[in-house]
C-alpha atoms as a PDB file:
ATOM      1  CA  UNK A   1      77.033  32.313  77.910  1.00  0.00           C
ATOM      2  CA  UNK A   2      74.709  33.510  75.176  1.00  0.00           C
ATOM      3  CA  UNK A   3      75.905  33.570  71.621  1.00  0.00           C
ATOM      4  CA  UNK A   4      76.370  36.964  70.141  1.00  0.00           C
ATOM      5  CA  UNK A   5      74.755  37.609  66.781  1.00  0.00           C
ATOM      6  CA  UNK A   6      72.236  35.560  64.791  1.00  0.00           C
ATOM      7  CA  UNK A   7      72.538  31.836  64.234  1.00  0.00           C
ATOM      8  CA  UNK A   8      74.331  30.985  60.982  1.00  0.00           C
ATOM      9  CA  UNK A   9      71.891  28.126  60.349  1.00  0.00           C
ATOM     10  CA  UNK A  10      68.928  30.470  60.648  1.00  0.00           C
ATOM     11  CA  UNK A  11      70.527  32.961  58.244  1.00  0.00           C
ATOM     12  CA  UNK A  12      71.137  30.169  55.724  1.00  0.00           C
ATOM     13  CA  UNK A  13      67.570  28.808  56.024  1.00  0.00           C
ATOM     14  CA  UNK A  14      66.102  32.244  55.464  1.00  0.00           C
ATOM     15  CA  UNK A  15      67.100  31.984  51.781  1.00  0.00           C
ATOM     16  CA  UNK A  16      65.140  28.679  51.303  1.00  0.00           C
ATOM     17  CA  UNK A  17      61.391  28.119  51.321  1.00  0.00           C
ATOM     18  CA  UNK A  18      60.009  28.519  54.783  1.00  0.00           C
ATOM     19  CA  UNK A  19      57.874  25.461  54.683  1.00  0.00           C
ATOM     20  CA  UNK A  20      60.858  23.079  55.259  1.00  0.00           C
ATOM     21  CA  UNK A  21      61.019  21.676  58.853  1.00  0.00           C
ATOM     22  CA  UNK A  22      64.018  22.217  61.164  1.00  0.00           C
ATOM     23  CA  UNK A  23      67.178  20.282  60.384  1.00  0.00           C
ATOM     24  CA  UNK A  24      68.842  17.875  62.792  1.00  0.00           C
ATOM     25  CA  UNK A  25      71.673  20.385  63.498  1.00  0.00           C
ATOM     26  CA  UNK A  26      69.170  22.988  64.663  1.00  0.00           C
ATOM     27  CA  UNK A  27      67.520  20.491  66.960  1.00  0.00           C
ATOM     28  CA  UNK A  28      70.920  19.557  68.500  1.00  0.00           C
ATOM     29  CA  UNK A  29      71.869  23.186  68.989  1.00  0.00           C
ATOM     30  CA  UNK A  30      68.595  23.921  70.714  1.00  0.00           C
ATOM     31  CA  UNK A  31      69.055  20.933  73.043  1.00  0.00           C
ATOM     32  CA  UNK A  32      72.507  22.198  74.012  1.00  0.00           C
ATOM     33  CA  UNK A  33      71.082  25.556  75.108  1.00  0.00           C
ATOM     34  CA  UNK A  34      70.929  25.773  78.943  1.00  0.00           C
ATOM     35  CA  UNK A  35      67.445  26.063  80.309  1.00  0.00           C
ATOM     36  CA  UNK A  36      67.109  29.111  82.483  1.00  0.00           C
ATOM     37  CA  UNK A  37      64.841  28.978  85.448  1.00  0.00           C
ATOM     38  CA  UNK A  38      62.113  31.559  85.905  1.00  0.00           C
ATOM     39  CA  UNK A  39      63.960  33.107  88.836  1.00  0.00           C
ATOM     40  CA  UNK A  40      67.214  33.503  86.950  1.00  0.00           C
ATOM     41  CA  UNK A  41      65.571  34.442  83.615  1.00  0.00           C
ATOM     42  CA  UNK A  42      67.110  37.291  81.803  1.00  0.00           C
ATOM     43  CA  UNK A  43      65.905  39.255  78.765  1.00  0.00           C
ATOM     44  CA  UNK A  44      66.282  37.452  75.454  1.00  0.00           C
ATOM     45  CA  UNK A  45      69.302  38.286  73.467  1.00  0.00           C
ATOM     46  CA  UNK A  46      68.954  39.556  69.938  1.00  0.00           C
ATOM     47  CA  UNK A  47      69.972  36.195  68.528  1.00  0.00           C
ATOM     48  CA  UNK A  48      67.424  34.246  70.476  1.00  0.00           C
ATOM     49  CA  UNK A  49      64.684  36.703  69.610  1.00  0.00           C
ATOM     50  CA  UNK A  50      65.546  36.613  65.924  1.00  0.00           C
ATOM     51  CA  UNK A  51      65.576  32.774  65.911  1.00  0.00           C
ATOM     52  CA  UNK A  52      62.181  32.548  67.574  1.00  0.00           C
ATOM     53  CA  UNK A  53      60.816  35.209  65.255  1.00  0.00           C
ATOM     54  CA  UNK A  54      62.129  33.359  62.218  1.00  0.00           C
ATOM     55  CA  UNK A  55      60.445  30.136  63.348  1.00  0.00           C
ATOM     56  CA  UNK A  56      57.044  31.780  63.656  1.00  0.00           C
ATOM     57  CA  UNK A  57      57.422  33.692  60.408  1.00  0.00           C
ATOM     58  CA  UNK A  58      58.377  30.505  58.559  1.00  0.00           C
ATOM     59  CA  UNK A  59      55.188  28.784  59.648  1.00  0.00           C
ATOM     60  CA  UNK A  60      53.078  31.781  58.706  1.00  0.00           C
ATOM     61  CA  UNK A  61      54.707  32.206  55.322  1.00  0.00           C
ATOM     62  CA  UNK A  62      54.412  28.475  54.691  1.00  0.00           C
ATOM     63  CA  UNK A  63      50.685  28.544  55.366  1.00  0.00           C
ATOM     64  CA  UNK A  64      50.251  31.591  53.141  1.00  0.00           C
ATOM     65  CA  UNK A  65      52.195  29.969  50.336  1.00  0.00           C
ATOM     66  CA  UNK A  66      50.189  26.785  50.743  1.00  0.00           C
ATOM     67  CA  UNK A  67      46.927  28.696  50.511  1.00  0.00           C
ATOM     68  CA  UNK A  68      48.138  30.622  47.467  1.00  0.00           C
ATOM     69  CA  UNK A  69      49.216  27.379  45.830  1.00  0.00           C
ATOM     70  CA  UNK A  70      45.820  25.795  46.503  1.00  0.00           C
ATOM     71  CA  UNK A  71      44.032  28.852  45.100  1.00  0.00           C
ATOM     72  CA  UNK A  72      46.188  28.819  41.979  1.00  0.00           C
ATOM     73  CA  UNK A  73      45.695  25.101  41.476  1.00  0.00           C
ATOM     74  CA  UNK A  74      41.930  25.402  41.995  1.00  0.00           C
ATOM     75  CA  UNK A  75      41.750  28.316  39.559  1.00  0.00           C
ATOM     76  CA  UNK A  76      43.717  26.364  36.977  1.00  0.00           C
ATOM     77  CA  UNK A  77      41.404  23.370  37.371  1.00  0.00           C
ATOM     78  CA  UNK A  78      38.285  25.550  37.028  1.00  0.00           C
ATOM     79  CA  UNK A  79      39.733  27.325  33.996  1.00  0.00           C
ATOM     80  CA  UNK A  80      40.640  24.015  32.350  1.00  0.00           C
ATOM     81  CA  UNK A  81      37.144  22.588  33.000  1.00  0.00           C
ATOM     82  CA  UNK A  82      35.482  25.719  31.617  1.00  0.00           C
ATOM     83  CA  UNK A  83      37.576  25.524  28.450  1.00  0.00           C
ATOM     84  CA  UNK A  84      36.679  21.861  28.004  1.00  0.00           C
ATOM     85  CA  UNK A  85      33.013  22.606  28.554  1.00  0.00           C
ATOM     86  CA  UNK A  86      33.088  25.400  25.960  1.00  0.00           C
ATOM     87  CA  UNK A  87      34.790  23.110  23.460  1.00  0.00           C
ATOM     88  CA  UNK A  88      32.126  20.427  23.982  1.00  0.00           C
ATOM     89  CA  UNK A  89      29.293  22.939  23.607  1.00  0.00           C
ATOM     90  CA  UNK A  90      30.816  24.280  20.387  1.00  0.00           C
ATOM     91  CA  UNK A  91      31.169  20.772  19.000  1.00  0.00           C
ATOM     92  CA  UNK A  92      27.552  19.952  19.867  1.00  0.00           C
ATOM     93  CA  UNK A  93      26.396  23.188  18.290  1.00  0.00           C
ATOM     94  CA  UNK A  94      28.329  22.419  15.136  1.00  0.00           C
ATOM     95  CA  UNK A  95      26.880  18.909  14.948  1.00  0.00           C
ATOM     96  CA  UNK A  96      23.314  20.086  15.565  1.00  0.00           C
ATOM     97  CA  UNK A  97      23.540  22.878  13.010  1.00  0.00           C
ATOM     98  CA  UNK A  98      24.901  20.649  10.268  1.00  0.00           C
ATOM     99  CA  UNK A  99      21.958  19.877   7.945  1.00  0.00           C
ATOM    100  CA  UNK A 100      21.349  16.204   7.362  1.00  0.00           C
ATOM    101  CA  UNK A 101      21.020  15.491   3.657  1.00  0.00           C
ATOM    102  CA  UNK A 102      17.763  13.810   2.714  1.00  0.00           C
ATOM    103  CA  UNK A 103      18.252  10.989   0.260  1.00  0.00           C
ATOM    104  CA  UNK A 104      15.229  10.359  -1.913  1.00  0.00           C
ATOM    105  CA  UNK A 105      15.192   6.903  -3.379  1.00  0.00           C
ATOM    106  CA  UNK A 106      13.778   6.899  -6.845  1.00  0.00           C
ATOM    107  CA  UNK A 107      11.595   4.026  -7.793  1.00  0.00           C
ATOM    108  CA  UNK A 108      13.469   2.316 -10.573  1.00  0.00           C
ATOM    109  CA  UNK A 109      10.422   0.323 -11.585  1.00  0.00           C
ATOM    110  CA  UNK A 110       8.592   2.212 -14.279  1.00  0.00           C
ATOM    111  CA  UNK A 111       4.919   2.606 -13.547  1.00  0.00           C
ATOM    112  CA  UNK A 112       2.630   1.250 -16.246  1.00  0.00           C
ATOM    113  CA  UNK A 113       1.445   3.891 -18.670  1.00  0.00           C
ATOM    114  CA  UNK A 114      -2.324   4.240 -18.427  1.00  0.00           C
ATOM    115  CA  UNK A 115      -4.089   3.385 -21.645  1.00  0.00           C
ATOM    116  CA  UNK A 116      -6.241   6.204 -22.932  1.00  0.00           C
ATOM    117  CA  UNK A 117      -9.537   4.895 -24.250  1.00  0.00           C
ATOM    118  CA  UNK A 118     -10.746   6.996 -27.173  1.00  0.00           C
ATOM    119  CA  UNK A 119     -14.175   8.496 -26.726  1.00  0.00           C
ATOM    120  CA  UNK A 120     -16.611   7.149 -29.324  1.00  0.00           C
ATOM    121  CA  UNK A 121     -19.389   9.364 -30.601  1.00  0.00           C
ATOM    122  CA  UNK A 122     -22.353   6.976 -30.548  1.00  0.00           C
ATOM    123  CA  UNK A 123     -24.580   9.403 -32.410  1.00  0.00           C
ATOM    124  CA  UNK A 124     -22.672   8.921 -35.671  1.00  0.00           C
ATOM    125  CA  UNK A 125     -22.842   5.099 -35.627  1.00  0.00           C
ATOM    126  CA  UNK A 126     -25.556   3.884 -37.971  1.00  0.00           C
ATOM    127  CA  UNK A 127     -27.498   0.758 -36.926  1.00  0.00           C
ATOM    128  CA  UNK A 128     -30.175  -1.117 -38.848  1.00  0.00           C
ATOM    129  CA  UNK A 129     -32.563  -3.441 -36.980  1.00  0.00           C
ATOM    130  CA  UNK A 130     -34.614  -5.941 -38.986  1.00  0.00           C
ATOM    131  CA  UNK A 131     -37.432  -7.990 -37.508  1.00  0.00           C
ATOM    132  CA  UNK A 132     -36.767 -11.638 -38.345  1.00  0.00           C
ATOM    133  CA  UNK A 133     -39.379 -13.364 -36.172  1.00  0.00           C
ATOM    134  CA  UNK A 134     -42.658 -12.123 -37.662  1.00  0.00           C
ATOM    135  CA  UNK A 135     -43.725 -10.993 -34.166  1.00  0.00           C
ATOM    136  CA  UNK A 136     -45.003  -7.462 -34.328  1.00  0.00           C
ATOM    137  CA  UNK A 137     -42.945  -4.796 -32.514  1.00  0.00           C
ATOM    138  CA  UNK A 138     -39.695  -6.713 -32.122  1.00  0.00           C
ATOM    139  CA  UNK A 139     -37.604  -4.276 -34.180  1.00  0.00           C
ATOM    140  CA  UNK A 140     -39.059  -1.251 -32.359  1.00  0.00           C
ATOM    141  CA  UNK A 141     -38.369  -2.909 -28.990  1.00  0.00           C
ATOM    142  CA  UNK A 142     -34.662  -3.345 -29.796  1.00  0.00           C
ATOM    143  CA  UNK A 143     -34.505   0.193 -31.203  1.00  0.00           C
ATOM    144  CA  UNK A 144     -35.533   1.572 -27.797  1.00  0.00           C
ATOM    145  CA  UNK A 145     -32.860  -0.496 -25.998  1.00  0.00           C
ATOM    146  CA  UNK A 146     -30.109   0.782 -28.295  1.00  0.00           C
ATOM    147  CA  UNK A 147     -31.237   4.386 -27.908  1.00  0.00           C
ATOM    148  CA  UNK A 148     -30.995   3.982 -24.139  1.00  0.00           C
ATOM    149  CA  UNK A 149     -27.290   3.179 -24.650  1.00  0.00           C
ATOM    150  CA  UNK A 150     -26.811   6.431 -26.593  1.00  0.00           C
ATOM    151  CA  UNK A 151     -27.122   5.193 -30.175  1.00  0.00           C
ATOM    152  CA  UNK A 152     -29.568   7.553 -31.831  1.00  0.00           C
ATOM    153  CA  UNK A 153     -29.078   6.640 -35.498  1.00  0.00           C
ATOM    154  CA  UNK A 154     -31.161   3.416 -35.474  1.00  0.00           C
ATOM    155  CA  UNK A 155     -33.440   2.407 -38.358  1.00  0.00           C
ATOM    156  CA  UNK A 156     -35.950  -0.453 -38.251  1.00  0.00           C
ATOM    157  CA  UNK A 157     -37.532  -2.746 -40.867  1.00  0.00           C
ATOM    158  CA  UNK A 158     -38.424  -6.349 -41.695  1.00  0.00           C
ATOM    159  CA  UNK A 159     -36.090  -9.096 -42.792  1.00  0.00           C
ATOM    160  CA  UNK A 160     -36.727 -11.103 -45.940  1.00  0.00           C
ATOM    161  CA  UNK A 161     -37.324 -14.198 -43.811  1.00  0.00           C
ATOM    162  CA  UNK A 162     -39.494 -14.285 -40.688  1.00  0.00           C
ATOM    163  CA  UNK A 163     -38.388 -17.583 -39.143  1.00  0.00           C
ATOM    164  CA  UNK A 164     -35.178 -16.493 -37.318  1.00  0.00           C
ATOM    165  CA  UNK A 165     -34.745 -18.054 -33.915  1.00  0.00           C
ATOM    166  CA  UNK A 166     -31.144 -16.791 -33.331  1.00  0.00           C
ATOM    167  CA  UNK A 167     -30.294 -13.103 -33.462  1.00  0.00           C
ATOM    168  CA  UNK A 168     -27.705 -12.421 -36.162  1.00  0.00           C
ATOM    169  CA  UNK A 169     -25.433  -9.367 -35.708  1.00  0.00           C
ATOM    170  CA  UNK A 170     -23.073  -8.144 -38.419  1.00  0.00           C
ATOM    171  CA  UNK A 171     -20.469  -5.512 -37.537  1.00  0.00           C
ATOM    172  CA  UNK A 172     -18.347  -3.395 -39.855  1.00  0.00           C
ATOM    173  CA  UNK A 173     -14.619  -4.331 -39.723  1.00  0.00           C
ATOM    174  CA  UNK A 174     -13.707  -0.697 -39.016  1.00  0.00           C
ATOM    175  CA  UNK A 175     -16.027  -0.386 -36.024  1.00  0.00           C
ATOM    176  CA  UNK A 176     -14.511   0.423 -32.627  1.00  0.00           C
ATOM    177  CA  UNK A 177     -14.079  -2.728 -30.459  1.00  0.00           C
ATOM    178  CA  UNK A 178     -15.686  -0.965 -27.488  1.00  0.00           C
ATOM    179  CA  UNK A 179     -18.906  -0.483 -29.508  1.00  0.00           C
ATOM    180  CA  UNK A 180     -18.868  -4.115 -30.610  1.00  0.00           C
ATOM    181  CA  UNK A 181     -18.484  -5.295 -27.016  1.00  0.00           C
ATOM    182  CA  UNK A 182     -21.200  -3.021 -25.679  1.00  0.00           C
ATOM    183  CA  UNK A 183     -23.823  -3.959 -28.289  1.00  0.00           C
ATOM    184  CA  UNK A 184     -22.995  -7.673 -27.975  1.00  0.00           C
ATOM    185  CA  UNK A 185     -23.444  -7.614 -24.200  1.00  0.00           C
ATOM    186  CA  UNK A 186     -26.761  -5.801 -24.513  1.00  0.00           C
ATOM    187  CA  UNK A 187     -28.066  -8.358 -27.020  1.00  0.00           C
ATOM    188  CA  UNK A 188     -26.964 -11.250 -24.778  1.00  0.00           C
ATOM    189  CA  UNK A 189     -29.165  -9.844 -22.039  1.00  0.00           C
ATOM    190  CA  UNK A 190     -32.232  -9.830 -24.304  1.00  0.00           C
ATOM    191  CA  UNK A 191     -32.013 -12.788 -26.682  1.00  0.00           C
ATOM    192  CA  UNK A 192     -31.494 -16.483 -26.090  1.00  0.00           C
ATOM    193  CA  UNK A 193     -29.048 -17.063 -28.966  1.00  0.00           C
ATOM    194  CA  UNK A 194     -26.573 -14.631 -30.539  1.00  0.00           C
ATOM    195  CA  UNK A 195     -24.535 -15.027 -33.728  1.00  0.00           C
ATOM    196  CA  UNK A 196     -21.910 -12.348 -34.447  1.00  0.00           C
ATOM    197  CA  UNK A 197     -19.845 -11.769 -37.579  1.00  0.00           C
ATOM    198  CA  UNK A 198     -18.023  -9.029 -39.459  1.00  0.00           C
ATOM    199  CA  UNK A 199     -18.631  -7.971 -43.012  1.00  0.00           C
ATOM    200  CA  UNK A 200     -18.042  -4.926 -45.154  1.00  0.00           C
ATOM    201  CA  UNK A 201     -21.075  -5.623 -47.345  1.00  0.00           C
ATOM    202  CA  UNK A 202     -23.590  -4.081 -44.926  1.00  0.00           C
ATOM    203  CA  UNK A 203     -24.871  -0.585 -45.621  1.00  0.00           C
ATOM    204  CA  UNK A 204     -24.233   0.858 -42.147  1.00  0.00           C
ATOM    205  CA  UNK A 205     -21.983   0.139 -39.190  1.00  0.00           C
ATOM    206  CA  UNK A 206     -24.186  -2.533 -37.561  1.00  0.00           C
ATOM    207  CA  UNK A 207     -26.954  -4.754 -38.909  1.00  0.00           C
ATOM    208  CA  UNK A 208     -29.137  -6.779 -36.522  1.00  0.00           C
ATOM    209  CA  UNK A 209     -31.739  -9.365 -37.507  1.00  0.00           C
ATOM    210  CA  UNK A 210     -33.771 -10.108 -34.412  1.00  0.00           C
ATOM    211  CA  UNK A 211     -34.432 -13.647 -33.275  1.00  0.00           C
ATOM    212  CA  UNK A 212     -36.474 -14.993 -30.407  1.00  0.00           C
ATOM    213  CA  UNK A 213     -36.088 -13.336 -27.041  1.00  0.00           C
ATOM    214  CA  UNK A 214     -35.583 -15.428 -23.940  1.00  0.00           C
ATOM    215  CA  UNK A 215     -38.842 -17.235 -23.237  1.00  0.00           C
ATOM    216  CA  UNK A 216     -40.447 -16.507 -26.633  1.00  0.00           C
ATOM    217  CA  UNK A 217     -41.863 -19.145 -28.957  1.00  0.00           C
ATOM    218  CA  UNK A 218     -41.950 -18.990 -32.743  1.00  0.00           C
ATOM    219  CA  UNK A 219     -45.046 -17.453 -34.283  1.00  0.00           C
ATOM    220  CA  UNK A 220     -47.393 -20.070 -35.810  1.00  0.00           C
ATOM    221  CA  UNK A 221     -47.934 -19.255 -39.477  1.00  0.00           C
ATOM    222  CA  UNK A 222     -51.584 -19.701 -40.692  1.00  0.00           C
ATOM    223  CA  UNK A 223     -51.798 -22.025 -43.781  1.00  0.00           C
ATOM    224  CA  UNK A 224     -55.013 -22.248 -45.961  1.00  0.00           C
ATOM    225  CA  UNK A 225     -56.739 -25.689 -45.942  1.00  0.00           C
ATOM    226  CA  UNK A 226     -57.762 -26.980 -49.445  1.00  0.00           C
ATOM    227  CA  UNK A 227     -61.549 -26.786 -50.153  1.00  0.00           C
ATOM    228  CA  UNK A 228     -63.260 -29.942 -51.552  1.00  0.00           C
ATOM    229  CA  UNK A 229     -64.120 -29.671 -55.312  1.00  0.00           C
ATOM    230  CA  UNK A 230     -67.743 -30.510 -56.356  1.00  0.00           C
ATOM    231  CA  UNK A 231     -68.104 -32.461 -59.686  1.00  0.00           C
ATOM    232  CA  UNK A 232     -71.438 -32.968 -61.545  1.00  0.00           C
ATOM    233  CA  UNK A 233     -72.460 -36.627 -62.116  1.00  0.00           C
ATOM    234  CA  UNK A 234     -74.663 -37.630 -65.259  1.00  0.00           C
ATOM    235  CA  UNK A 235     -78.249 -38.545 -64.562  1.00  0.00           C
ATOM    236  CA  UNK A 236     -79.360 -42.146 -65.321  1.00  0.00           C
ATOM    237  CA  UNK A 237     -82.204 -42.687 -67.971  1.00  0.00           C
ATOM    238  CA  UNK A 238     -85.164 -44.869 -66.885  1.00  0.00           C
ATOM    239  CA  UNK A 239     -87.071 -47.189 -69.403  1.00  0.00           C
ATOM    240  CA  UNK A 240     -90.667 -48.407 -68.907  1.00  0.00           C
ATOM    241  CA  UNK A 241     -90.972 -52.155 -68.357  1.00  0.00           C
ATOM    242  CA  UNK A 242     -94.194 -54.284 -68.021  1.00  0.00           C
ATOM    243  CA  UNK A 243     -94.997 -54.833 -64.345  1.00  0.00           C
ATOM    244  CA  UNK A 244     -95.170 -58.266 -63.194  1.00  0.00           C
ATOM    245  CA  UNK A 245     -97.734 -59.327 -60.906  1.00  0.00           C
ATOM    246  CA  UNK A 246     -97.197 -61.571 -57.963  1.00  0.00           C
END
């Protein structure tokens, strides 16, 4: 005989998730149901129809719930990844926008202070050139060389002695060292021997007594030869003597 009314097990299971499989009691109850042949088949009772309908609906609802769960999980994963990606991009943007301070290392070693060489006005330096060799034109020759260097106040004359072989240069103690060096180098190019000294007794700033230039020989001085003196001798007196005969 068919059971009247729905199965108590099915009514209890309807309150739980539909994705659970059938329990062992349900399987035993179904095995105890007599199998009706096709010839003796009768319309399904309301209980049998409801049980079969509940089985199919459980599978359908389980699949739907599974799909919804997968969609929710996938959405959560995508949302979490997007948040992480945004955080990383913000961090990179913050790092890239942060200005890097430029550290300038100062050189602790002090650079040497350049020495400022005072400009000397050569036009105001007075120079006197005296010819000490007796060779004509020596003082004028040196005057031209000094004027080429920029010294325009140069006077020439003759020394008291004319037998100088070395050139003697006397500088004023207050004269600029650059002028002393320049004039000395110029004289070394011209003359074979140079004697330099400092003295405040000279009339100007520089006094030069010229000596022999390189390759020159001293001038031969002409000396007068003594003339022979003529003295008058007394004449001898002759006396007459008697000639002798042979």
